[in-house]
Amino acid sequence: MLTTAWVKSPPTVTLPMLVSLVLSPFFLAGALFLTFRRRRLLIERAGAQTAERPRSAKEHQ
């Protein structure tokens, strides 16, 4: 139950708001880092697989 004083003059920043503001950039940066890392690894893997494939029937034998 909220007190009348809190309803009339709420705090500017509460603890949950502060924790969210501090942690959200960290998790956003981590998500971006992992996304770009995964993309780079998938591109490298695709390049390695195409380099191993023979281009003609003669190379295959």
C-alpha atoms as a PDB file:
ATOM      1  CA  MET A   1       0.000   0.000   0.000  1.00  0.00           C
ATOM      2  CA  LEU A   2       1.414   3.383  -0.996  1.00  0.00           C
ATOM      3  CA  THR A   3       1.546   6.239   1.444  1.00  0.00           C
ATOM      4  CA  THR A   4      -0.049   9.563   0.617  1.00  0.00           C
ATOM      5  CA  ALA A   5       3.330  11.319   0.660  1.00  0.00           C
ATOM      6  CA  TRP A   6       4.746   8.908  -1.911  1.00  0.00           C
ATOM      7  CA  VAL A   7       1.728   9.366  -4.187  1.00  0.00           C
ATOM      8  CA  LYS A   8       1.930  13.164  -3.986  1.00  0.00           C
ATOM      9  CA  SER A   9       5.704  13.314  -4.473  1.00  0.00           C
ATOM     10  CA  PRO A  10       7.099  10.052  -5.892  1.00  0.00           C
ATOM     11  CA  PRO A  11      10.860   9.525  -6.003  1.00  0.00           C
ATOM     12  CA  THR A  12      12.610  10.411  -9.242  1.00  0.00           C
ATOM     13  CA  VAL A  13      14.510   7.127  -9.485  1.00  0.00           C
ATOM     14  CA  THR A  14      13.604   3.948  -7.667  1.00  0.00           C
ATOM     15  CA  LEU A  15      15.921   1.003  -7.106  1.00  0.00           C
ATOM     16  CA  PRO A  16      14.339  -1.193  -9.832  1.00  0.00           C
ATOM     17  CA  MET A  17      14.622   1.684 -12.314  1.00  0.00           C
ATOM     18  CA  LEU A  18      18.262   2.247 -11.393  1.00  0.00           C
ATOM     19  CA  VAL A  19      19.153  -1.431 -11.736  1.00  0.00           C
ATOM     20  CA  SER A  20      17.426  -1.577 -15.133  1.00  0.00           C
ATOM     21  CA  LEU A  21      19.251   1.520 -16.349  1.00  0.00           C
ATOM     22  CA  VAL A  22      22.601   0.123 -15.256  1.00  0.00           C
ATOM     23  CA  LEU A  23      22.164  -3.412 -16.613  1.00  0.00           C
ATOM     24  CA  SER A  24      20.344  -2.784 -19.900  1.00  0.00           C
ATOM     25  CA  PRO A  25      23.368  -1.330 -21.795  1.00  0.00           C
ATOM     26  CA  PHE A  26      25.489  -4.276 -20.632  1.00  0.00           C
ATOM     27  CA  PHE A  27      23.025  -6.863 -21.921  1.00  0.00           C
ATOM     28  CA  LEU A  28      22.414  -4.938 -25.146  1.00  0.00           C
ATOM     29  CA  ALA A  29      26.150  -4.777 -25.853  1.00  0.00           C
ATOM     30  CA  GLY A  30      26.483  -8.496 -25.110  1.00  0.00           C
ATOM     31  CA  ALA A  31      23.640  -9.369 -27.468  1.00  0.00           C
ATOM     32  CA  LEU A  32      25.157  -7.273 -30.259  1.00  0.00           C
ATOM     33  CA  PHE A  33      28.608  -8.761 -29.702  1.00  0.00           C
ATOM     34  CA  LEU A  34      27.299 -12.331 -29.835  1.00  0.00           C
ATOM     35  CA  THR A  35      25.186 -11.603 -32.913  1.00  0.00           C
ATOM     36  CA  PHE A  36      28.120 -10.218 -34.895  1.00  0.00           C
ATOM     37  CA  ARG A  37      30.451 -12.966 -33.665  1.00  0.00           C
ATOM     38  CA  ARG A  38      28.006 -15.675 -34.737  1.00  0.00           C
ATOM     39  CA  ARG A  39      27.518 -14.007 -38.104  1.00  0.00           C
ATOM     40  CA  ARG A  40      31.274 -13.826 -38.690  1.00  0.00           C
ATOM     41  CA  LEU A  41      31.734 -17.492 -37.726  1.00  0.00           C
ATOM     42  CA  LEU A  42      28.930 -18.595 -40.046  1.00  0.00           C
ATOM     43  CA  ILE A  43      30.433 -16.616 -42.936  1.00  0.00           C
ATOM     44  CA  GLU A  44      33.864 -18.164 -42.289  1.00  0.00           C
ATOM     45  CA  ARG A  45      32.363 -21.659 -42.121  1.00  0.00           C
ATOM     46  CA  ALA A  46      30.469 -21.138 -45.381  1.00  0.00           C
ATOM     47  CA  GLY A  47      33.649 -19.901 -47.059  1.00  0.00           C
ATOM     48  CA  ALA A  48      35.610 -22.932 -45.851  1.00  0.00           C
ATOM     49  CA  GLN A  49      32.964 -25.336 -47.134  1.00  0.00           C
ATOM     50  CA  THR A  50      32.858 -23.752 -50.588  1.00  0.00           C
ATOM     51  CA  ALA A  51      36.673 -23.800 -50.780  1.00  0.00           C
ATOM     52  CA  GLU A  52      36.711 -27.560 -50.136  1.00  0.00           C
ATOM     53  CA  ARG A  53      34.170 -28.419 -52.848  1.00  0.00           C
ATOM     54  CA  PRO A  54      35.542 -29.530 -56.220  1.00  0.00           C
ATOM     55  CA  ARG A  55      34.664 -27.188 -59.069  1.00  0.00           C
ATOM     56  CA  SER A  56      34.624 -29.770 -61.846  1.00  0.00           C
ATOM     57  CA  ALA A  57      34.395 -33.511 -62.372  1.00  0.00           C
ATOM     58  CA  LYS A  58      38.177 -33.731 -62.941  1.00  0.00           C
ATOM     59  CA  GLU A  59      38.931 -32.218 -59.554  1.00  0.00           C
ATOM     60  CA  HIS A  60      36.505 -34.638 -57.969  1.00  0.00           C
ATOM     61  CA  GLN A  61      38.454 -37.720 -59.109  1.00  0.00           C
END
